[in-house]
């Protein structure tokens, strides 16, 4: 006898979740907790972290391929192929090192972007406080236009607007300054990487000229390989050119101030920046300097002054 089964009660129908079902994770939850103002920059910083990891992985793979090329050349029992493949492997391994240096420079650039995100996060509360007081005044005027609390709320609104005005100015200043500084580091690192890769590639191509690819007929012997000294000289030339490399980018002008020290971006245990100093990457041209005390101090000091001036004012 055939028994009709309810397929919705079968475990098979629930074994595989829908492909487009969104799965929450710690990372997505943290993104939801971020203030709305800093959420987009936070997403970009997270994406950059993935890109940096990809460059680091590419560097490791390039070094691994270099070793494999050398091992393969040795197994061919061909003196020419063995020597040239070994030296090409050295060149490829150096390219892998460049990827790692580039990733380190991108981490410095990412650290500067975090300062923009942190400033955006610090401005969000002042915006919310101003909006909160404004909403309370509107509700109270609708319910009880003669309430004595209106005057208190209006004074509080003046203070909130003064605090927000200072915070917004600081956000604008820091955003422009740090955006300029961050991409100065990023693009200088791109130039460094490309110029050093060009140096390596040009010398590596010289090695290919030492491979005699003239066809031979069966039974004939190839001429003995006698370019080992010249091939070694190519490596030395490449090493000397890399050692003598100097940044060719022009400094980016800045009006941010000259009082602050130029140093690396400092991070605490949570990965947040703890200073406003500029970041420098290994071998990257000196980035722009930036000035002034920390954003928190700049916000606190003008706020107290603004509050003193704003208190006598009444609407």
C-alpha atoms as a PDB file:
ATOM      1  CA  UNK A   1       0.000   0.000   0.000  1.00  0.00           C
ATOM      2  CA  UNK A   2       1.388   3.401  -0.981  1.00  0.00           C
ATOM      3  CA  UNK A   3       1.591   5.884   1.860  1.00  0.00           C
ATOM      4  CA  UNK A   4       1.821   9.554   0.929  1.00  0.00           C
ATOM      5  CA  UNK A   5       4.466  11.291   3.031  1.00  0.00           C
ATOM      6  CA  UNK A   6       4.596  14.881   4.095  1.00  0.00           C
ATOM      7  CA  UNK A   7       7.883  16.003   2.555  1.00  0.00           C
ATOM      8  CA  UNK A   8       8.067  19.064   4.808  1.00  0.00           C
ATOM      9  CA  UNK A   9       8.619  16.728   7.765  1.00  0.00           C
ATOM     10  CA  UNK A  10      11.495  14.924   6.089  1.00  0.00           C
ATOM     11  CA  UNK A  11      15.010  15.700   7.287  1.00  0.00           C
ATOM     12  CA  UNK A  12      16.141  15.643   3.660  1.00  0.00           C
ATOM     13  CA  UNK A  13      14.161  18.760   2.860  1.00  0.00           C
ATOM     14  CA  UNK A  14      15.959  20.650   5.630  1.00  0.00           C
ATOM     15  CA  UNK A  15      19.445  19.283   5.160  1.00  0.00           C
ATOM     16  CA  UNK A  16      20.731  22.064   2.925  1.00  0.00           C
ATOM     17  CA  UNK A  17      19.824  25.667   3.766  1.00  0.00           C
ATOM     18  CA  UNK A  18      18.880  27.999   0.919  1.00  0.00           C
ATOM     19  CA  UNK A  19      21.900  29.275  -0.969  1.00  0.00           C
ATOM     20  CA  UNK A  20      20.951  32.922  -0.493  1.00  0.00           C
ATOM     21  CA  UNK A  21      20.260  32.662   3.222  1.00  0.00           C
ATOM     22  CA  UNK A  22      22.193  35.258   5.201  1.00  0.00           C
ATOM     23  CA  UNK A  23      24.286  33.862   8.026  1.00  0.00           C
ATOM     24  CA  UNK A  24      25.229  36.113  10.912  1.00  0.00           C
ATOM     25  CA  UNK A  25      28.707  36.015  12.326  1.00  0.00           C
ATOM     26  CA  UNK A  26      30.770  37.925  14.841  1.00  0.00           C
ATOM     27  CA  UNK A  27      32.174  40.143  12.090  1.00  0.00           C
ATOM     28  CA  UNK A  28      28.745  41.074  10.731  1.00  0.00           C
ATOM     29  CA  UNK A  29      27.453  41.720  14.250  1.00  0.00           C
ATOM     30  CA  UNK A  30      30.336  44.078  14.917  1.00  0.00           C
ATOM     31  CA  UNK A  31      29.528  45.877  11.692  1.00  0.00           C
ATOM     32  CA  UNK A  32      25.936  46.322  12.859  1.00  0.00           C
ATOM     33  CA  UNK A  33      27.165  47.800  16.147  1.00  0.00           C
ATOM     34  CA  UNK A  34      29.224  50.495  14.452  1.00  0.00           C
ATOM     35  CA  UNK A  35      27.723  53.992  14.395  1.00  0.00           C
ATOM     36  CA  UNK A  36      25.969  54.753  11.143  1.00  0.00           C
ATOM     37  CA  UNK A  37      28.405  57.555  10.341  1.00  0.00           C
ATOM     38  CA  UNK A  38      31.484  55.295  10.472  1.00  0.00           C
ATOM     39  CA  UNK A  39      29.944  52.138   9.001  1.00  0.00           C
ATOM     40  CA  UNK A  40      31.008  52.707   5.394  1.00  0.00           C
ATOM     41  CA  UNK A  41      34.598  53.499   6.304  1.00  0.00           C
ATOM     42  CA  UNK A  42      34.623  50.492   8.620  1.00  0.00           C
ATOM     43  CA  UNK A  43      33.498  48.292   5.740  1.00  0.00           C
ATOM     44  CA  UNK A  44      36.241  49.683   3.515  1.00  0.00           C
ATOM     45  CA  UNK A  45      38.891  49.080   6.188  1.00  0.00           C
ATOM     46  CA  UNK A  46      37.706  45.502   6.530  1.00  0.00           C
ATOM     47  CA  UNK A  47      37.894  45.000   2.756  1.00  0.00           C
ATOM     48  CA  UNK A  48      41.410  46.421   2.706  1.00  0.00           C
ATOM     49  CA  UNK A  49      42.379  43.877   5.346  1.00  0.00           C
ATOM     50  CA  UNK A  50      41.289  41.103   2.986  1.00  0.00           C
ATOM     51  CA  UNK A  51      43.235  42.686   0.126  1.00  0.00           C
ATOM     52  CA  UNK A  52      46.362  42.906   2.282  1.00  0.00           C
ATOM     53  CA  UNK A  53      46.017  39.230   3.133  1.00  0.00           C
ATOM     54  CA  UNK A  54      45.793  38.449  -0.584  1.00  0.00           C
ATOM     55  CA  UNK A  55      49.046  40.309  -1.281  1.00  0.00           C
ATOM     56  CA  UNK A  56      50.764  38.446   1.549  1.00  0.00           C
ATOM     57  CA  UNK A  57      49.491  35.135   0.175  1.00  0.00           C
ATOM     58  CA  UNK A  58      50.658  36.102  -3.322  1.00  0.00           C
ATOM     59  CA  UNK A  59      54.133  36.822  -1.960  1.00  0.00           C
ATOM     60  CA  UNK A  60      54.317  33.424  -0.276  1.00  0.00           C
ATOM     61  CA  UNK A  61      53.102  31.670  -3.420  1.00  0.00           C
ATOM     62  CA  UNK A  62      55.632  33.526  -5.555  1.00  0.00           C
ATOM     63  CA  UNK A  63      58.473  32.428  -3.266  1.00  0.00           C
ATOM     64  CA  UNK A  64      57.193  28.854  -3.355  1.00  0.00           C
ATOM     65  CA  UNK A  65      57.040  28.908  -7.158  1.00  0.00           C
ATOM     66  CA  UNK A  66      60.595  30.253  -7.260  1.00  0.00           C
ATOM     67  CA  UNK A  67      61.816  27.257  -5.245  1.00  0.00           C
ATOM     68  CA  UNK A  68      59.857  24.862  -7.460  1.00  0.00           C
ATOM     69  CA  UNK A  69      61.375  26.404 -10.586  1.00  0.00           C
ATOM     70  CA  UNK A  70      64.875  25.921  -9.211  1.00  0.00           C
ATOM     71  CA  UNK A  71      64.167  22.307  -8.235  1.00  0.00           C
ATOM     72  CA  UNK A  72      62.725  21.547 -11.651  1.00  0.00           C
ATOM     73  CA  UNK A  73      65.718  23.048 -13.462  1.00  0.00           C
ATOM     74  CA  UNK A  74      68.113  20.944 -11.427  1.00  0.00           C
ATOM     75  CA  UNK A  75      66.216  17.790 -12.367  1.00  0.00           C
ATOM     76  CA  UNK A  76      66.553  18.405 -16.129  1.00  0.00           C
ATOM     77  CA  UNK A  77      70.250  17.418 -16.244  1.00  0.00           C
ATOM     78  CA  UNK A  78      70.765  20.411 -18.537  1.00  0.00           C
ATOM     79  CA  UNK A  79      73.488  22.757 -17.283  1.00  0.00           C
ATOM     80  CA  UNK A  80      72.015  25.761 -19.070  1.00  0.00           C
ATOM     81  CA  UNK A  81      68.463  25.190 -17.880  1.00  0.00           C
ATOM     82  CA  UNK A  82      69.660  24.339 -14.371  1.00  0.00           C
ATOM     83  CA  UNK A  83      71.709  27.514 -13.933  1.00  0.00           C
ATOM     84  CA  UNK A  84      69.259  29.933 -15.552  1.00  0.00           C
ATOM     85  CA  UNK A  85      66.212  28.485 -13.788  1.00  0.00           C
ATOM     86  CA  UNK A  86      68.013  28.754 -10.458  1.00  0.00           C
ATOM     87  CA  UNK A  87      68.826  32.412 -11.015  1.00  0.00           C
ATOM     88  CA  UNK A  88      65.333  33.137 -12.316  1.00  0.00           C
ATOM     89  CA  UNK A  89      64.096  31.571  -9.095  1.00  0.00           C
ATOM     90  CA  UNK A  90      66.172  34.068  -7.143  1.00  0.00           C
ATOM     91  CA  UNK A  91      64.528  36.887  -9.097  1.00  0.00           C
ATOM     92  CA  UNK A  92      61.034  35.506  -8.520  1.00  0.00           C
ATOM     93  CA  UNK A  93      61.709  35.093  -4.805  1.00  0.00           C
ATOM     94  CA  UNK A  94      62.710  38.748  -4.648  1.00  0.00           C
ATOM     95  CA  UNK A  95      59.415  39.660  -6.307  1.00  0.00           C
ATOM     96  CA  UNK A  96      57.683  37.678  -3.581  1.00  0.00           C
ATOM     97  CA  UNK A  97      59.489  39.752  -0.967  1.00  0.00           C
ATOM     98  CA  UNK A  98      58.247  42.904  -2.683  1.00  0.00           C
ATOM     99  CA  UNK A  99      54.662  41.714  -2.244  1.00  0.00           C
ATOM    100  CA  UNK A 100      55.249  41.328   1.478  1.00  0.00           C
ATOM    101  CA  UNK A 101      56.759  44.816   1.768  1.00  0.00           C
ATOM    102  CA  UNK A 102      53.848  46.217  -0.231  1.00  0.00           C
ATOM    103  CA  UNK A 103      51.399  44.537   2.150  1.00  0.00           C
ATOM    104  CA  UNK A 104      53.179  46.131   5.125  1.00  0.00           C
ATOM    105  CA  UNK A 105      52.890  49.561   3.517  1.00  0.00           C
ATOM    106  CA  UNK A 106      49.193  48.970   2.867  1.00  0.00           C
ATOM    107  CA  UNK A 107      48.778  48.139   6.547  1.00  0.00           C
ATOM    108  CA  UNK A 108      50.213  51.571   7.384  1.00  0.00           C
ATOM    109  CA  UNK A 109      47.774  53.167   4.938  1.00  0.00           C
ATOM    110  CA  UNK A 110      44.937  51.197   6.507  1.00  0.00           C
ATOM    111  CA  UNK A 111      45.988  52.405   9.946  1.00  0.00           C
ATOM    112  CA  UNK A 112      45.551  56.029   8.841  1.00  0.00           C
ATOM    113  CA  UNK A 113      42.077  55.245   7.492  1.00  0.00           C
ATOM    114  CA  UNK A 114      41.174  53.938  10.944  1.00  0.00           C
ATOM    115  CA  UNK A 115      41.720  57.431  12.302  1.00  0.00           C
ATOM    116  CA  UNK A 116      38.986  58.723   9.997  1.00  0.00           C
ATOM    117  CA  UNK A 117      36.687  55.931  11.164  1.00  0.00           C
ATOM    118  CA  UNK A 118      37.425  56.663  14.813  1.00  0.00           C
ATOM    119  CA  UNK A 119      36.727  60.367  14.337  1.00  0.00           C
ATOM    120  CA  UNK A 120      33.435  59.566  12.616  1.00  0.00           C
ATOM    121  CA  UNK A 121      32.504  57.343  15.551  1.00  0.00           C
ATOM    122  CA  UNK A 122      33.290  60.123  18.026  1.00  0.00           C
ATOM    123  CA  UNK A 123      31.134  62.653  16.144  1.00  0.00           C
ATOM    124  CA  UNK A 124      28.053  60.435  16.000  1.00  0.00           C
ATOM    125  CA  UNK A 125      27.058  60.961  19.686  1.00  0.00           C
ATOM    126  CA  UNK A 126      27.103  64.761  19.326  1.00  0.00           C
ATOM    127  CA  UNK A 127      24.791  64.527  16.329  1.00  0.00           C
ATOM    128  CA  UNK A 128      22.458  62.216  18.184  1.00  0.00           C
ATOM    129  CA  UNK A 129      22.420  64.455  21.273  1.00  0.00           C
ATOM    130  CA  UNK A 130      21.550  67.512  19.214  1.00  0.00           C
ATOM    131  CA  UNK A 131      18.756  65.643  17.451  1.00  0.00           C
ATOM    132  CA  UNK A 132      17.468  64.241  20.736  1.00  0.00           C
ATOM    133  CA  UNK A 133      17.164  67.693  22.333  1.00  0.00           C
ATOM    134  CA  UNK A 134      15.539  69.085  19.185  1.00  0.00           C
ATOM    135  CA  UNK A 135      12.943  66.308  19.230  1.00  0.00           C
ATOM    136  CA  UNK A 136      12.217  66.877  22.921  1.00  0.00           C
ATOM    137  CA  UNK A 137      11.631  70.588  22.323  1.00  0.00           C
ATOM    138  CA  UNK A 138       9.272  69.845  19.433  1.00  0.00           C
ATOM    139  CA  UNK A 139       7.261  67.363  21.502  1.00  0.00           C
ATOM    140  CA  UNK A 140       7.065  69.684  24.497  1.00  0.00           C
ATOM    141  CA  UNK A 141       5.952  72.641  22.375  1.00  0.00           C
ATOM    142  CA  UNK A 142       3.180  70.477  20.972  1.00  0.00           C
ATOM    143  CA  UNK A 143       2.038  69.114  24.346  1.00  0.00           C
ATOM    144  CA  UNK A 144       2.673  72.086  26.660  1.00  0.00           C
ATOM    145  CA  UNK A 145       3.840  75.291  24.938  1.00  0.00           C
ATOM    146  CA  UNK A 146       3.987  77.164  28.261  1.00  0.00           C
ATOM    147  CA  UNK A 147       6.150  74.606  30.072  1.00  0.00           C
ATOM    148  CA  UNK A 148       9.013  76.070  32.112  1.00  0.00           C
ATOM    149  CA  UNK A 149      11.212  73.209  30.943  1.00  0.00           C
ATOM    150  CA  UNK A 150      11.312  74.676  27.440  1.00  0.00           C
ATOM    151  CA  UNK A 151      13.835  77.308  28.465  1.00  0.00           C
ATOM    152  CA  UNK A 152      16.101  74.643  29.994  1.00  0.00           C
ATOM    153  CA  UNK A 153      15.889  72.523  26.865  1.00  0.00           C
ATOM    154  CA  UNK A 154      16.649  75.503  24.644  1.00  0.00           C
ATOM    155  CA  UNK A 155      19.792  76.246  26.656  1.00  0.00           C
ATOM    156  CA  UNK A 156      20.724  72.584  26.365  1.00  0.00           C
ATOM    157  CA  UNK A 157      20.153  72.747  22.610  1.00  0.00           C
ATOM    158  CA  UNK A 158      22.533  75.701  22.340  1.00  0.00           C
ATOM    159  CA  UNK A 159      25.221  73.712  24.134  1.00  0.00           C
ATOM    160  CA  UNK A 160      24.556  70.623  22.016  1.00  0.00           C
ATOM    161  CA  UNK A 161      24.781  72.642  18.803  1.00  0.00           C
ATOM    162  CA  UNK A 162      28.018  74.273  19.946  1.00  0.00           C
ATOM    163  CA  UNK A 163      29.542  70.891  20.765  1.00  0.00           C
ATOM    164  CA  UNK A 164      28.392  69.437  17.470  1.00  0.00           C
ATOM    165  CA  UNK A 165      29.743  72.434  15.563  1.00  0.00           C
ATOM    166  CA  UNK A 166      33.218  71.834  16.982  1.00  0.00           C
ATOM    167  CA  UNK A 167      32.970  68.085  16.369  1.00  0.00           C
ATOM    168  CA  UNK A 168      31.873  68.559  12.754  1.00  0.00           C
ATOM    169  CA  UNK A 169      34.761  70.953  12.115  1.00  0.00           C
ATOM    170  CA  UNK A 170      37.218  68.452  13.555  1.00  0.00           C
ATOM    171  CA  UNK A 171      35.692  65.680  11.455  1.00  0.00           C
ATOM    172  CA  UNK A 172      36.079  67.740   8.296  1.00  0.00           C
ATOM    173  CA  UNK A 173      39.694  68.609   9.126  1.00  0.00           C
ATOM    174  CA  UNK A 174      40.712  65.072  10.069  1.00  0.00           C
ATOM    175  CA  UNK A 175      38.907  63.526   7.092  1.00  0.00           C
ATOM    176  CA  UNK A 176      40.694  65.704   4.547  1.00  0.00           C
ATOM    177  CA  UNK A 177      44.063  65.451   6.265  1.00  0.00           C
ATOM    178  CA  UNK A 178      44.011  61.698   6.810  1.00  0.00           C
ATOM    179  CA  UNK A 179      42.543  60.873   3.400  1.00  0.00           C
ATOM    180  CA  UNK A 180      45.413  62.788   1.835  1.00  0.00           C
ATOM    181  CA  UNK A 181      47.970  61.151   4.110  1.00  0.00           C
ATOM    182  CA  UNK A 182      46.599  57.632   3.679  1.00  0.00           C
ATOM    183  CA  UNK A 183      46.651  57.641  -0.102  1.00  0.00           C
ATOM    184  CA  UNK A 184      50.027  59.361  -0.124  1.00  0.00           C
ATOM    185  CA  UNK A 185      51.322  56.243   1.646  1.00  0.00           C
ATOM    186  CA  UNK A 186      49.299  53.880  -0.546  1.00  0.00           C
ATOM    187  CA  UNK A 187      50.251  55.355  -3.907  1.00  0.00           C
ATOM    188  CA  UNK A 188      53.899  55.848  -2.946  1.00  0.00           C
ATOM    189  CA  UNK A 189      53.965  52.143  -2.074  1.00  0.00           C
ATOM    190  CA  UNK A 190      52.469  51.301  -5.478  1.00  0.00           C
ATOM    191  CA  UNK A 191      55.188  53.330  -7.204  1.00  0.00           C
ATOM    192  CA  UNK A 192      57.918  51.676  -5.122  1.00  0.00           C
ATOM    193  CA  UNK A 193      56.611  48.192  -5.864  1.00  0.00           C
ATOM    194  CA  UNK A 194      56.255  48.807  -9.594  1.00  0.00           C
ATOM    195  CA  UNK A 195      59.682  50.435  -9.982  1.00  0.00           C
ATOM    196  CA  UNK A 196      61.441  47.643  -8.092  1.00  0.00           C
ATOM    197  CA  UNK A 197      59.538  45.006 -10.041  1.00  0.00           C
ATOM    198  CA  UNK A 198      60.652  46.718 -13.243  1.00  0.00           C
ATOM    199  CA  UNK A 199      64.277  46.581 -12.103  1.00  0.00           C
ATOM    200  CA  UNK A 200      64.027  42.868 -11.359  1.00  0.00           C
ATOM    201  CA  UNK A 201      62.144  42.047 -14.562  1.00  0.00           C
ATOM    202  CA  UNK A 202      64.626  43.884 -16.793  1.00  0.00           C
ATOM    203  CA  UNK A 203      67.582  42.034 -15.294  1.00  0.00           C
ATOM    204  CA  UNK A 204      65.709  38.720 -15.360  1.00  0.00           C
ATOM    205  CA  UNK A 205      65.156  39.160 -19.090  1.00  0.00           C
ATOM    206  CA  UNK A 206      68.919  39.453 -19.527  1.00  0.00           C
ATOM    207  CA  UNK A 207      69.234  35.921 -18.188  1.00  0.00           C
ATOM    208  CA  UNK A 208      67.095  34.600 -21.031  1.00  0.00           C
ATOM    209  CA  UNK A 209      69.699  35.707 -23.578  1.00  0.00           C
ATOM    210  CA  UNK A 210      72.096  33.096 -22.163  1.00  0.00           C
ATOM    211  CA  UNK A 211      69.837  30.221 -23.232  1.00  0.00           C
ATOM    212  CA  UNK A 212      70.905  28.869 -26.613  1.00  0.00           C
ATOM    213  CA  UNK A 213      67.682  27.612 -28.143  1.00  0.00           C
ATOM    214  CA  UNK A 214      69.161  26.637 -31.504  1.00  0.00           C
ATOM    215  CA  UNK A 215      67.612  23.340 -32.658  1.00  0.00           C
ATOM    216  CA  UNK A 216      69.824  20.269 -32.652  1.00  0.00           C
ATOM    217  CA  UNK A 217      69.397  17.093 -34.628  1.00  0.00           C
ATOM    218  CA  UNK A 218      69.327  13.741 -32.866  1.00  0.00           C
ATOM    219  CA  UNK A 219      72.800  12.585 -31.965  1.00  0.00           C
ATOM    220  CA  UNK A 220      74.396  16.047 -31.935  1.00  0.00           C
ATOM    221  CA  UNK A 221      75.668  17.501 -28.664  1.00  0.00           C
ATOM    222  CA  UNK A 222      74.895  21.042 -27.591  1.00  0.00           C
ATOM    223  CA  UNK A 223      77.771  23.439 -26.966  1.00  0.00           C
ATOM    224  CA  UNK A 224      78.917  23.547 -23.356  1.00  0.00           C
ATOM    225  CA  UNK A 225      77.293  26.192 -21.166  1.00  0.00           C
ATOM    226  CA  UNK A 226      79.796  28.963 -20.488  1.00  0.00           C
ATOM    227  CA  UNK A 227      77.664  31.889 -19.230  1.00  0.00           C
ATOM    228  CA  UNK A 228      77.702  31.098 -15.537  1.00  0.00           C
ATOM    229  CA  UNK A 229      79.881  34.100 -14.706  1.00  0.00           C
ATOM    230  CA  UNK A 230      77.741  36.483 -16.759  1.00  0.00           C
ATOM    231  CA  UNK A 231      74.556  35.129 -15.179  1.00  0.00           C
ATOM    232  CA  UNK A 232      75.989  35.663 -11.714  1.00  0.00           C
ATOM    233  CA  UNK A 233      76.860  39.220 -12.699  1.00  0.00           C
ATOM    234  CA  UNK A 234      73.232  39.816 -13.676  1.00  0.00           C
ATOM    235  CA  UNK A 235      72.159  38.942 -10.138  1.00  0.00           C
ATOM    236  CA  UNK A 236      74.753  41.297  -8.699  1.00  0.00           C
ATOM    237  CA  UNK A 237      73.616  44.086 -11.015  1.00  0.00           C
ATOM    238  CA  UNK A 238      70.009  43.583  -9.955  1.00  0.00           C
ATOM    239  CA  UNK A 239      71.003  43.605  -6.297  1.00  0.00           C
ATOM    240  CA  UNK A 240      73.011  46.804  -6.716  1.00  0.00           C
ATOM    241  CA  UNK A 241      70.163  48.537  -8.554  1.00  0.00           C
ATOM    242  CA  UNK A 242      67.673  47.559  -5.851  1.00  0.00           C
ATOM    243  CA  UNK A 243      70.033  48.738  -3.137  1.00  0.00           C
ATOM    244  CA  UNK A 244      70.506  52.048  -4.930  1.00  0.00           C
ATOM    245  CA  UNK A 245      66.797  52.604  -5.529  1.00  0.00           C
ATOM    246  CA  UNK A 246      65.427  55.887  -4.182  1.00  0.00           C
ATOM    247  CA  UNK A 247      61.848  57.198  -4.128  1.00  0.00           C
ATOM    248  CA  UNK A 248      60.965  59.184  -7.231  1.00  0.00           C
ATOM    249  CA  UNK A 249      57.600  60.551  -6.109  1.00  0.00           C
ATOM    250  CA  UNK A 250      57.202  64.224  -5.346  1.00  0.00           C
ATOM    251  CA  UNK A 251      56.090  65.180  -1.818  1.00  0.00           C
ATOM    252  CA  UNK A 252      52.401  65.966  -1.463  1.00  0.00           C
ATOM    253  CA  UNK A 253      51.927  69.507  -0.091  1.00  0.00           C
ATOM    254  CA  UNK A 254      49.896  69.850   3.096  1.00  0.00           C
ATOM    255  CA  UNK A 255      48.624  72.707   5.237  1.00  0.00           C
ATOM    256  CA  UNK A 256      47.658  70.502   8.171  1.00  0.00           C
ATOM    257  CA  UNK A 257      50.317  71.967  10.488  1.00  0.00           C
ATOM    258  CA  UNK A 258      53.934  71.365  11.362  1.00  0.00           C
ATOM    259  CA  UNK A 259      53.811  70.870  15.132  1.00  0.00           C
ATOM    260  CA  UNK A 260      53.264  67.137  15.390  1.00  0.00           C
ATOM    261  CA  UNK A 261      56.001  64.560  15.229  1.00  0.00           C
ATOM    262  CA  UNK A 262      56.281  62.255  12.237  1.00  0.00           C
ATOM    263  CA  UNK A 263      56.065  58.657  13.337  1.00  0.00           C
ATOM    264  CA  UNK A 264      54.321  55.377  12.680  1.00  0.00           C
ATOM    265  CA  UNK A 265      50.643  54.917  13.417  1.00  0.00           C
ATOM    266  CA  UNK A 266      50.238  53.329  16.824  1.00  0.00           C
ATOM    267  CA  UNK A 267      47.563  50.739  17.518  1.00  0.00           C
ATOM    268  CA  UNK A 268      46.168  49.360  20.717  1.00  0.00           C
ATOM    269  CA  UNK A 269      45.313  45.737  21.373  1.00  0.00           C
ATOM    270  CA  UNK A 270      41.961  46.144  19.611  1.00  0.00           C
ATOM    271  CA  UNK A 271      43.560  47.415  16.426  1.00  0.00           C
ATOM    272  CA  UNK A 272      42.381  50.992  16.976  1.00  0.00           C
ATOM    273  CA  UNK A 273      44.721  53.890  16.428  1.00  0.00           C
ATOM    274  CA  UNK A 274      46.046  55.620  19.509  1.00  0.00           C
ATOM    275  CA  UNK A 275      47.820  58.524  17.866  1.00  0.00           C
ATOM    276  CA  UNK A 276      47.499  60.934  14.990  1.00  0.00           C
ATOM    277  CA  UNK A 277      51.078  60.653  13.751  1.00  0.00           C
ATOM    278  CA  UNK A 278      51.630  59.844  10.105  1.00  0.00           C
ATOM    279  CA  UNK A 279      52.508  56.327   9.036  1.00  0.00           C
ATOM    280  CA  UNK A 280      55.586  55.423   7.059  1.00  0.00           C
ATOM    281  CA  UNK A 281      56.156  52.248   5.149  1.00  0.00           C
ATOM    282  CA  UNK A 282      59.455  50.522   4.581  1.00  0.00           C
ATOM    283  CA  UNK A 283      61.117  52.206   1.649  1.00  0.00           C
ATOM    284  CA  UNK A 284      58.173  54.517   0.998  1.00  0.00           C
ATOM    285  CA  UNK A 285      58.750  58.213   0.559  1.00  0.00           C
ATOM    286  CA  UNK A 286      58.169  60.289   3.684  1.00  0.00           C
ATOM    287  CA  UNK A 287      54.442  60.999   3.911  1.00  0.00           C
ATOM    288  CA  UNK A 288      52.892  64.269   4.858  1.00  0.00           C
ATOM    289  CA  UNK A 289      53.151  65.600   8.381  1.00  0.00           C
ATOM    290  CA  UNK A 290      50.057  66.413  10.350  1.00  0.00           C
ATOM    291  CA  UNK A 291      49.648  68.764  13.238  1.00  0.00           C
ATOM    292  CA  UNK A 292      47.762  69.497  16.394  1.00  0.00           C
ATOM    293  CA  UNK A 293      46.858  67.585  19.543  1.00  0.00           C
ATOM    294  CA  UNK A 294      44.624  64.557  19.571  1.00  0.00           C
ATOM    295  CA  UNK A 295      41.091  64.888  18.249  1.00  0.00           C
ATOM    296  CA  UNK A 296      39.614  64.126  21.655  1.00  0.00           C
ATOM    297  CA  UNK A 297      41.528  66.969  23.272  1.00  0.00           C
ATOM    298  CA  UNK A 298      40.640  69.343  20.453  1.00  0.00           C
ATOM    299  CA  UNK A 299      36.988  68.497  20.893  1.00  0.00           C
ATOM    300  CA  UNK A 300      36.990  68.850  24.668  1.00  0.00           C
ATOM    301  CA  UNK A 301      38.780  72.177  24.962  1.00  0.00           C
ATOM    302  CA  UNK A 302      36.722  74.210  22.456  1.00  0.00           C
ATOM    303  CA  UNK A 303      33.525  72.657  23.784  1.00  0.00           C
ATOM    304  CA  UNK A 304      34.034  74.046  27.268  1.00  0.00           C
ATOM    305  CA  UNK A 305      34.637  77.483  25.788  1.00  0.00           C
ATOM    306  CA  UNK A 306      31.592  77.214  23.545  1.00  0.00           C
ATOM    307  CA  UNK A 307      29.435  76.196  26.476  1.00  0.00           C
ATOM    308  CA  UNK A 308      30.505  79.251  28.467  1.00  0.00           C
ATOM    309  CA  UNK A 309      29.691  81.552  25.602  1.00  0.00           C
ATOM    310  CA  UNK A 310      26.428  79.842  24.743  1.00  0.00           C
ATOM    311  CA  UNK A 311      24.808  79.705  28.184  1.00  0.00           C
ATOM    312  CA  UNK A 312      23.569  83.354  28.329  1.00  0.00           C
ATOM    313  CA  UNK A 313      21.817  82.909  24.987  1.00  0.00           C
ATOM    314  CA  UNK A 314      18.129  82.066  25.038  1.00  0.00           C
ATOM    315  CA  UNK A 315      15.653  81.513  22.284  1.00  0.00           C
END
